[in-house]
């Protein structure tokens, strides 16, 4: 049985006439008539009664099309699901968020996801132009139209120091104590991170000492372990060596916000659901 003929019969029933169905489907009326006759011949019953004013379903036609509509809808859902299985969603992930993306993907079933490391700024550009469907990054200042955001984590800022450092025993630790030490930050989010952290110092009239930058968050941890300074950019959720310790900061510093970004036109329902779960449990 030609599924197209069944679809067209459903359209004829909804339109109430071959002429109107022809206009909707953009199929010539003689072709529709021929398809309908072929379908009725194959089934062995008359589906419609014809009249100058249009067509009406017979009792057999009502029974057939009620079930056929369900079958066609199920078929189309099956096709959509199969095509979805064949495509991978590209998810950009900013540096330092490996633990967050692992938690999120643990709740995604039946959707292929290809993770692409990239900065938050790169994610936004790629999501806006459609080359990337979604991303996990740090809270941006603004977003272009068509890109949506959801905050999934708000992490309190902690100073990361060597456990043996004299300031590591302070609880809490003041920014004035930290200002003279080298602040180590990753290149990957240095611009947004520096703005967020340095505002705290500036409000107190302090001039923090910027230390060497690192290639990424892992490098930041290694450098601090080697005694290069301290960091405010590593989230307390991240596992660090026993030789390092997170120390609370006394002043009110804006939290590190982790956000899920996505293209509003992309089909990323599974990822969005997982992101919402993270937001609720975070």
Protein backbone atom coordinates (compact mmCIF):
# COMPACT_ATOMS: atom_id res chain seq x y z
CA UNK A 1 0.00 0.00 0.00
CA UNK A 2 1.34 3.40 -1.00
CA UNK A 3 1.55 5.54 2.15
CA UNK A 4 1.29 8.66 0.00
CA UNK A 5 -2.17 7.58 -1.18
CA UNK A 6 -3.26 7.14 2.44
CA UNK A 7 -1.96 10.61 3.35
CA UNK A 8 -3.83 12.10 0.40
CA UNK A 9 -7.05 10.31 1.38
CA UNK A 10 -6.74 11.82 4.86
CA UNK A 11 -6.26 15.26 3.27
CA UNK A 12 -9.34 14.76 1.07
CA UNK A 13 -11.44 13.83 4.09
CA UNK A 14 -10.27 16.93 5.96
CA UNK A 15 -10.80 19.22 2.98
CA UNK A 16 -14.24 17.80 2.13
CA UNK A 17 -13.62 17.94 -1.60
CA UNK A 18 -11.08 16.83 -4.16
CA UNK A 19 -10.75 20.40 -5.46
CA UNK A 20 -9.82 21.87 -2.06
CA UNK A 21 -7.50 18.95 -1.27
CA UNK A 22 -5.82 19.46 -4.65
CA UNK A 23 -5.12 23.09 -3.78
CA UNK A 24 -3.75 22.24 -0.33
CA UNK A 25 -1.57 19.35 -1.53
CA UNK A 26 -0.64 21.08 -4.79
CA UNK A 27 -1.44 17.84 -6.61
CA UNK A 28 -3.61 17.89 -9.78
CA UNK A 29 -7.21 16.86 -9.11
CA UNK A 30 -7.19 14.05 -11.72
CA UNK A 31 -4.12 12.58 -10.03
CA UNK A 32 -5.86 12.64 -6.64
CA UNK A 33 -8.94 10.95 -8.11
CA UNK A 34 -6.77 8.24 -9.64
CA UNK A 35 -4.91 7.68 -6.35
CA UNK A 36 -8.18 7.48 -4.42
CA UNK A 37 -9.61 4.91 -6.81
CA UNK A 38 -6.43 2.84 -6.55
CA UNK A 39 -6.59 2.94 -2.74
CA UNK A 40 -10.26 1.94 -2.67
CA UNK A 41 -9.57 -0.91 -5.09
CA UNK A 42 -6.70 -2.18 -2.94
CA UNK A 43 -8.77 -2.03 0.28
CA UNK A 44 -11.86 -3.42 -1.41
CA UNK A 45 -14.32 -0.83 -0.11
CA UNK A 46 -15.57 2.60 -1.13
CA UNK A 47 -14.13 5.24 1.20
CA UNK A 48 -16.08 8.26 -0.07
CA UNK A 49 -19.39 9.08 -1.66
CA UNK A 50 -19.07 11.68 -4.40
CA UNK A 51 -21.48 14.53 -5.12
CA UNK A 52 -21.32 17.89 -6.95
CA UNK A 53 -20.81 19.62 -3.60
CA UNK A 54 -17.84 17.49 -2.59
CA UNK A 55 -17.10 14.13 -0.95
CA UNK A 56 -18.20 12.48 2.28
CA UNK A 57 -16.73 9.53 4.10
CA UNK A 58 -18.67 6.30 3.98
CA UNK A 59 -19.01 4.26 7.15
CA UNK A 60 -16.17 2.05 5.95
CA UNK A 61 -14.15 5.17 5.11
CA UNK A 62 -14.60 6.56 8.62
CA UNK A 63 -13.42 3.29 10.16
CA UNK A 64 -10.44 3.04 7.83
CA UNK A 65 -9.22 6.65 8.10
CA UNK A 66 -9.58 6.73 11.90
CA UNK A 67 -7.04 3.92 12.15
CA UNK A 68 -4.98 5.10 9.16
CA UNK A 69 -4.47 8.53 10.72
CA UNK A 70 -3.04 6.93 13.86
CA UNK A 71 -0.81 4.67 11.77
CA UNK A 72 0.52 7.54 9.62
CA UNK A 73 1.26 9.67 12.70
CA UNK A 74 3.12 6.74 14.29
CA UNK A 75 5.09 6.20 11.09
CA UNK A 76 6.13 9.85 10.93
CA UNK A 77 7.21 9.79 14.58
CA UNK A 78 9.26 6.68 13.85
CA UNK A 79 10.97 8.41 10.92
CA UNK A 80 11.74 11.47 13.06
CA UNK A 81 13.18 9.29 15.81
CA UNK A 82 15.31 7.33 13.34
CA UNK A 83 16.67 10.49 11.77
CA UNK A 84 17.42 11.89 15.20
CA UNK A 85 19.42 8.76 16.03
CA UNK A 86 21.49 9.30 12.93
CA UNK A 87 22.49 12.86 13.77
CA UNK A 88 24.70 13.97 16.60
CA UNK A 89 24.02 17.18 18.48
CA UNK A 90 27.14 19.31 18.74
CA UNK A 91 27.63 20.59 22.27
CA UNK A 92 30.32 23.18 22.94
CA UNK A 93 31.91 22.95 26.39
CA UNK A 94 34.06 25.65 27.96
CA UNK A 95 37.29 24.84 29.77
CA UNK A 96 36.92 23.76 33.40
CA UNK A 97 33.41 22.31 33.02
CA UNK A 98 34.24 18.64 32.47
CA UNK A 99 32.49 17.58 35.68
CA UNK A 100 29.33 19.55 34.80
CA UNK A 101 29.04 18.15 31.27
CA UNK A 102 29.59 14.62 32.63
CA UNK A 103 26.67 15.05 35.03
CA UNK A 104 24.47 16.49 32.33
CA UNK A 105 25.21 13.81 29.74
CA UNK A 106 24.61 11.06 32.30
CA UNK A 107 20.93 12.00 32.10
CA UNK A 108 20.73 12.06 28.31
CA UNK A 109 19.47 8.86 26.71
CA UNK A 110 18.83 8.12 23.07
CA UNK A 111 20.54 11.26 21.75
CA UNK A 112 23.99 11.25 20.22
CA UNK A 113 26.05 14.17 21.51
CA UNK A 114 29.41 15.24 20.14
CA UNK A 115 31.32 17.43 22.61
CA UNK A 116 33.45 20.21 21.15
CA UNK A 117 35.80 22.12 23.49
CA UNK A 118 35.44 25.86 22.89
CA UNK A 119 35.22 29.10 24.82
CA UNK A 120 31.86 30.60 25.74
CA UNK A 121 32.35 33.42 23.21
CA UNK A 122 33.03 30.92 20.43
CA UNK A 123 29.97 28.92 21.45
CA UNK A 124 27.70 31.94 21.18
CA UNK A 125 28.89 32.76 17.66
CA UNK A 126 28.54 29.14 16.51
CA UNK A 127 25.11 28.68 18.12
CA UNK A 128 23.86 31.90 16.51
CA UNK A 129 24.94 30.81 13.01
CA UNK A 130 23.60 27.27 13.49
CA UNK A 131 26.89 25.36 13.28
CA UNK A 132 26.54 24.45 16.96
CA UNK A 133 23.25 23.41 18.55
CA UNK A 134 24.06 23.98 22.22
CA UNK A 135 26.82 24.87 24.64
CA UNK A 136 27.90 24.82 28.25
CA UNK A 137 29.87 27.85 29.34
CA UNK A 138 30.18 30.79 31.71
CA UNK A 139 27.53 33.51 32.00
CA UNK A 140 27.93 35.99 29.11
CA UNK A 141 27.07 39.65 29.30
CA UNK A 142 24.57 39.55 26.45
CA UNK A 143 23.30 37.17 23.78
CA UNK A 144 22.24 37.62 20.16
CA UNK A 145 18.63 36.99 19.19
CA UNK A 146 17.93 33.30 18.72
CA UNK A 147 20.32 32.12 21.43
CA UNK A 148 18.71 31.11 24.73
CA UNK A 149 20.37 30.58 28.11
CA UNK A 150 19.67 28.73 31.33
CA UNK A 151 21.77 29.01 34.49
CA UNK A 152 22.61 25.50 35.69
CA UNK A 153 25.17 26.29 38.41
CA UNK A 154 25.94 29.25 40.69
CA UNK A 155 29.20 28.54 42.47
CA UNK A 156 30.41 30.65 45.37
CA UNK A 157 33.88 32.06 44.79
CA UNK A 158 36.61 30.46 46.88
CA UNK A 159 40.32 31.20 46.89
CA UNK A 160 42.40 28.20 45.87
CA UNK A 161 45.73 28.13 47.73
CA UNK A 162 48.49 25.67 48.62
CA UNK A 163 47.45 23.98 51.86
CA UNK A 164 50.71 25.02 53.51
CA UNK A 165 50.33 28.71 52.67
CA UNK A 166 50.02 31.02 55.69
CA UNK A 167 46.69 32.40 54.41
CA UNK A 168 45.17 28.92 53.98
CA UNK A 169 44.27 28.82 57.67
CA UNK A 170 42.12 31.97 57.42
CA UNK A 171 38.38 31.34 57.40
CA UNK A 172 37.17 33.51 55.82
CA UNK A 173 39.94 35.16 53.83
CA UNK A 174 39.75 38.87 52.97
CA UNK A 175 40.44 40.20 49.47
CA UNK A 176 42.83 42.67 51.08
CA UNK A 177 44.93 39.68 52.20
CA UNK A 178 44.97 38.32 48.66
CA UNK A 179 45.66 41.56 46.79
CA UNK A 180 49.43 41.33 47.15
CA UNK A 181 49.58 37.71 45.89
CA UNK A 182 49.72 36.75 42.19
CA UNK A 183 46.24 35.95 40.86
CA UNK A 184 46.49 33.05 38.40
CA UNK A 185 43.72 32.78 35.80
CA UNK A 186 43.15 30.61 32.74
CA UNK A 187 43.31 32.21 29.31
CA UNK A 188 40.05 30.47 28.40
CA UNK A 189 37.84 32.73 30.52
CA UNK A 190 40.29 35.43 31.57
CA UNK A 191 38.29 38.36 30.15
CA UNK A 192 34.94 37.56 31.76
CA UNK A 193 36.57 36.13 34.87
CA UNK A 194 38.90 39.06 35.42
CA UNK A 195 36.02 41.52 35.18
CA UNK A 196 33.99 39.57 37.73
CA UNK A 197 36.78 39.07 40.24
CA UNK A 198 38.54 42.41 39.90
CA UNK A 199 35.31 44.34 40.57
CA UNK A 200 35.41 42.95 44.10
CA UNK A 201 38.88 44.34 44.68
CA UNK A 202 38.09 47.69 43.05
CA UNK A 203 35.07 48.23 45.32
CA UNK A 204 37.48 48.03 48.28
CA UNK A 205 39.97 50.38 46.64
CA UNK A 206 42.45 47.52 46.16
CA UNK A 207 44.78 46.90 43.25
CA UNK A 208 45.20 43.14 42.85
CA UNK A 209 48.40 41.73 41.49
CA UNK A 210 47.84 39.75 38.33
CA UNK A 211 50.04 36.69 38.07
CA UNK A 212 50.86 34.49 35.09
CA UNK A 213 48.01 33.23 32.93
CA UNK A 214 47.53 29.53 32.35
CA UNK A 215 46.47 27.59 29.25
CA UNK A 216 43.40 26.22 31.05
CA UNK A 217 41.88 25.38 34.40
CA UNK A 218 43.96 22.22 34.79
CA UNK A 219 47.10 24.28 34.23
CA UNK A 220 45.90 26.79 36.85
CA UNK A 221 45.70 24.02 39.43
CA UNK A 222 49.16 22.75 38.51
CA UNK A 223 50.66 26.24 38.74
CA UNK A 224 49.11 26.94 42.14
CA UNK A 225 50.38 23.60 43.39
CA UNK A 226 53.83 24.74 42.26
CA UNK A 227 53.49 27.95 44.28
CA UNK A 228 52.74 30.43 41.46
CA UNK A 229 49.99 32.19 43.46
CA UNK A 230 46.28 31.67 44.04
CA UNK A 231 43.13 31.50 41.94
CA UNK A 232 39.50 32.55 42.22
CA UNK A 233 38.38 30.96 38.94
CA UNK A 234 38.45 27.26 39.90
CA UNK A 235 35.06 26.05 41.13
CA UNK A 236 34.94 24.30 44.50
CA UNK A 237 33.19 21.34 42.81
CA UNK A 238 36.35 20.56 40.86
CA UNK A 239 38.62 17.89 42.34
CA UNK A 240 42.05 19.29 43.27
CA UNK A 241 45.17 17.63 44.71
CA UNK A 242 45.40 17.14 48.48
CA UNK A 243 48.12 19.79 48.57
CA UNK A 244 45.59 22.51 47.69
CA UNK A 245 42.64 23.90 49.64
CA UNK A 246 39.63 26.11 48.92
CA UNK A 247 39.25 28.99 51.39
CA UNK A 248 36.05 31.08 51.74
CA UNK A 249 36.26 34.76 50.77
CA UNK A 250 34.83 37.26 53.26
CA UNK A 251 33.66 39.85 50.74
CA UNK A 252 30.67 39.55 48.45
CA UNK A 253 32.08 38.46 45.10
CA UNK A 254 29.66 37.64 42.23
CA UNK A 255 29.37 33.84 41.88
CA UNK A 256 30.77 31.82 39.01
CA UNK A 257 27.71 31.12 36.85
CA UNK A 258 27.65 28.12 34.55
CA UNK A 259 25.05 28.38 31.78
CA UNK A 260 23.48 26.10 29.20
CA UNK A 261 23.15 27.89 25.85
CA UNK A 262 21.17 26.70 22.84
CA UNK A 263 19.79 27.70 19.49
CA UNK A 264 16.04 28.28 19.86
CA UNK A 265 15.42 26.55 16.52
CA UNK A 266 17.47 23.43 17.34
CA UNK A 267 15.96 20.18 18.62
CA UNK A 268 17.81 19.84 21.91
CA UNK A 269 14.96 18.83 24.22
CA UNK A 270 16.92 16.00 25.87
CA UNK A 271 19.87 18.27 26.65
CA UNK A 272 17.59 21.05 27.90
CA UNK A 273 15.78 18.58 30.18
CA UNK A 274 19.13 17.42 31.60
CA UNK A 275 20.22 21.03 32.08
CA UNK A 276 17.00 21.82 33.96
CA UNK A 277 17.65 18.84 36.23
CA UNK A 278 21.13 20.20 36.98
CA UNK A 279 19.66 23.60 37.74
CA UNK A 280 17.14 22.10 40.18
CA UNK A 281 19.68 19.92 41.97
CA UNK A 282 22.54 22.43 41.91
